[in-house]
Protein backbone atom coordinates (compact mmCIF):
# COMPACT_ATOMS: atom_id res chain seq x y z
CA MET A 1 122.21 48.86 75.34
CA SER A 2 120.53 49.07 78.72
CA ARG A 3 117.56 51.26 79.46
CA THR A 4 119.69 53.66 81.53
CA GLY A 5 122.30 53.84 78.78
CA LEU A 6 119.57 54.62 76.24
CA ARG A 7 118.26 57.45 78.40
CA ALA A 8 121.76 58.89 78.86
CA ASN A 9 122.39 58.62 75.10
CA LEU A 10 119.11 60.43 74.38
CA LEU A 11 119.98 63.11 76.92
CA CYS A 12 123.45 63.69 75.42
CA ARG A 13 122.13 63.87 71.86
CA CYS A 14 119.44 66.38 72.78
CA MET A 15 121.85 68.47 74.82
CA VAL A 16 124.21 68.69 71.85
CA ALA A 17 121.29 69.75 69.64
CA GLY A 18 120.42 72.51 72.11
CA GLU A 19 117.19 70.99 73.36
CA GLY A 20 118.20 70.63 76.98
CA THR A 21 114.90 71.14 78.77
CA HIS A 22 112.99 68.92 76.36
CA ALA A 23 115.57 66.16 76.69
CA LYS A 24 115.50 66.24 80.48
CA ALA A 25 111.73 66.09 80.48
CA ALA A 26 111.75 63.19 78.01
CA VAL A 27 114.30 61.29 80.09
CA ARG A 28 112.40 61.81 83.32
CA GLY A 29 109.10 60.88 81.67
CA ARG A 30 107.52 64.29 82.12
CA ARG A 31 105.81 66.34 79.49
CA ALA A 32 107.96 69.19 78.13
CA TYR A 33 106.34 72.55 77.48
CA ALA A 34 107.87 75.05 75.10
CA THR A 35 108.94 78.17 76.92
CA PRO A 36 108.97 81.52 75.11
CA ALA A 37 112.38 82.79 74.11
CA VAL A 38 112.16 86.19 75.78
CA ALA A 39 110.25 86.48 79.06
CA GLY A 40 106.66 86.09 77.92
CA MET A 41 107.27 87.23 74.36
CA GLY A 42 106.27 84.86 71.54
CA GLU A 43 108.13 84.47 68.28
CA GLY A 44 105.58 86.52 66.31
CA VAL A 45 105.67 89.41 68.77
CA ARG A 46 109.46 89.40 68.74
CA PHE A 47 109.36 89.60 64.94
CA LEU A 48 107.01 92.59 65.05
CA VAL A 49 109.13 94.36 67.67
CA ARG A 50 112.28 93.81 65.61
CA MET A 51 110.55 94.97 62.41
CA LEU A 52 109.36 98.15 64.11
CA GLY A 53 112.90 98.62 65.45
CA TYR A 54 114.39 98.32 61.98
CA LEU A 55 111.85 100.79 60.59
CA LEU A 56 112.63 103.31 63.33
CA VAL A 57 116.39 102.95 62.81
CA ALA A 58 115.91 103.49 59.06
CA GLY A 59 113.68 106.50 59.71
CA GLY A 60 116.18 107.94 62.18
CA PHE A 61 119.00 107.50 59.68
CA ILE A 62 116.94 109.19 56.95
CA ALA A 63 116.19 112.07 59.31
CA LEU A 64 119.89 112.33 60.14
CA LEU A 65 120.80 112.50 56.44
CA THR A 66 118.10 115.08 55.79
CA ASP A 67 119.27 117.23 58.70
CA GLY A 68 122.88 116.91 57.52
CA ALA A 69 122.02 118.00 53.97
CA ARG A 70 119.93 120.90 55.29
CA SER A 71 122.75 121.96 57.62
CA ILE A 72 125.29 121.93 54.79
CA ALA A 73 122.97 123.92 52.52
CA ASN A 74 122.20 126.54 55.20
CA SER A 75 125.78 126.69 56.55
CA PHE A 76 124.68 126.17 60.16
CA LEU A 77 123.80 123.14 62.26
CA ARG A 78 120.06 122.51 62.59
CA PHE A 79 118.22 119.40 63.75
CA THR A 80 114.54 118.76 63.08
CA PRO A 81 112.67 118.46 66.40
CA LEU A 82 110.25 115.61 66.98
CA GLY A 83 107.35 118.06 67.30
CA GLU A 84 107.99 119.47 63.84
CA THR A 85 108.11 115.97 62.36
CA GLY A 86 104.85 115.07 64.09
CA LEU A 87 103.22 118.24 62.79
CA THR A 88 104.41 117.44 59.26
CA PHE A 89 103.05 113.90 59.27
CA LEU A 90 99.91 114.28 61.39
CA GLY A 91 98.84 117.88 60.70
CA GLU A 92 95.71 118.92 62.62
CA ARG A 93 95.63 115.76 64.70
CA PHE A 94 99.00 116.69 66.19
CA ARG A 95 97.63 120.09 67.22
CA GLN A 96 94.79 118.34 69.05
CA LEU A 97 97.30 116.40 71.14
CA GLN A 98 97.90 119.18 73.69
CA PRO A 99 94.24 119.73 74.69
CA ALA A 100 93.65 115.98 74.77
CA VAL A 101 96.61 115.34 77.10
CA GLU A 102 95.75 118.28 79.38
CA ARG A 103 92.07 117.34 79.57
CA ASN A 104 92.25 113.54 79.78
CA LEU A 105 95.57 112.80 81.50
CA HIS A 106 97.13 115.66 83.48
CA PRO A 107 98.12 119.24 82.64
CA LEU A 108 101.60 118.82 84.13
CA LEU A 109 102.27 115.91 81.79
CA TRP A 110 102.09 118.21 78.78
CA ASP A 111 104.10 121.23 79.88
CA PRO A 112 107.27 119.98 81.52
CA VAL A 113 107.36 116.45 80.09
CA LEU A 114 105.97 116.29 76.55
CA VAL A 115 107.12 119.77 75.54
CA ASN A 116 110.71 118.75 76.28
CA VAL A 117 110.27 115.35 74.57
CA LEU A 118 108.96 117.07 71.44
CA GLN A 119 112.13 119.20 71.28
CA VAL A 120 114.37 116.12 70.95
CA PRO A 121 115.88 115.73 67.45
CA THR A 122 113.91 113.28 65.31
CA ALA A 123 117.04 111.40 64.27
CA ALA A 124 118.13 110.81 67.87
CA ALA A 125 114.65 109.72 68.95
CA GLY A 126 114.24 107.33 66.01
CA LEU A 127 117.68 105.79 66.36
CA LEU A 128 117.46 105.44 70.14
CA LEU A 129 113.98 103.92 70.15
CA GLY A 130 114.83 101.70 67.17
CA PHE A 131 117.95 100.27 68.77
CA LEU A 132 116.04 99.78 72.03
CA LEU A 133 113.34 97.78 70.21
CA LEU A 134 116.00 95.74 68.40
CA TRP A 135 117.61 94.93 71.73
CA VAL A 136 114.27 93.95 73.31
CA GLY A 137 113.25 91.79 70.36
CA ALA A 138 116.60 90.04 69.93
CA ALA A 139 116.80 86.27 70.12
CA PRO A 140 117.96 85.00 73.50
CA LYS A 141 121.55 83.98 73.90
CA PRO A 142 122.10 80.21 73.94
CA GLN A 143 122.85 78.76 77.33
CA ILE A 144 126.45 77.64 77.54
CA GLY A 145 127.82 75.32 80.16
CA ILE A 146 124.70 73.32 81.00
CA VAL A 147 125.60 70.47 83.30
CA THR A 148 124.29 67.20 81.86
CA ARG A 149 125.07 65.02 84.89
CA ARG A 150 123.75 65.34 88.40
């Protein structure tokens, strides 16, 4: 087999295995560098983002079940706001959030913005943020239709 045929064979084998950029660099004699899967996000960071996403989805689902059971027991629809959940878990530290935001960031950030965010149902916030993190941390789609010849 000629040298050109060997290079083409190597290129085709690597392209089938899904290692297109590494194969092209090997054929051209250049050094191939591993590129991160998601724009600047390493494999370990993607794992942490996905894990946090799964935890938030599970927490949102638990909050949804809790709200549903409470609504059935009380015979009217009631959702737990995010502020009430924060007060339950953080206690006094959550009460110190308002003066800290007004003093260190900006007073208008607390009143129109964070007050409305804290009234969002906990289940909706957990599910939405969890699915968003799962989407961000997802593995990239494989490239289909890469041209192997020039």
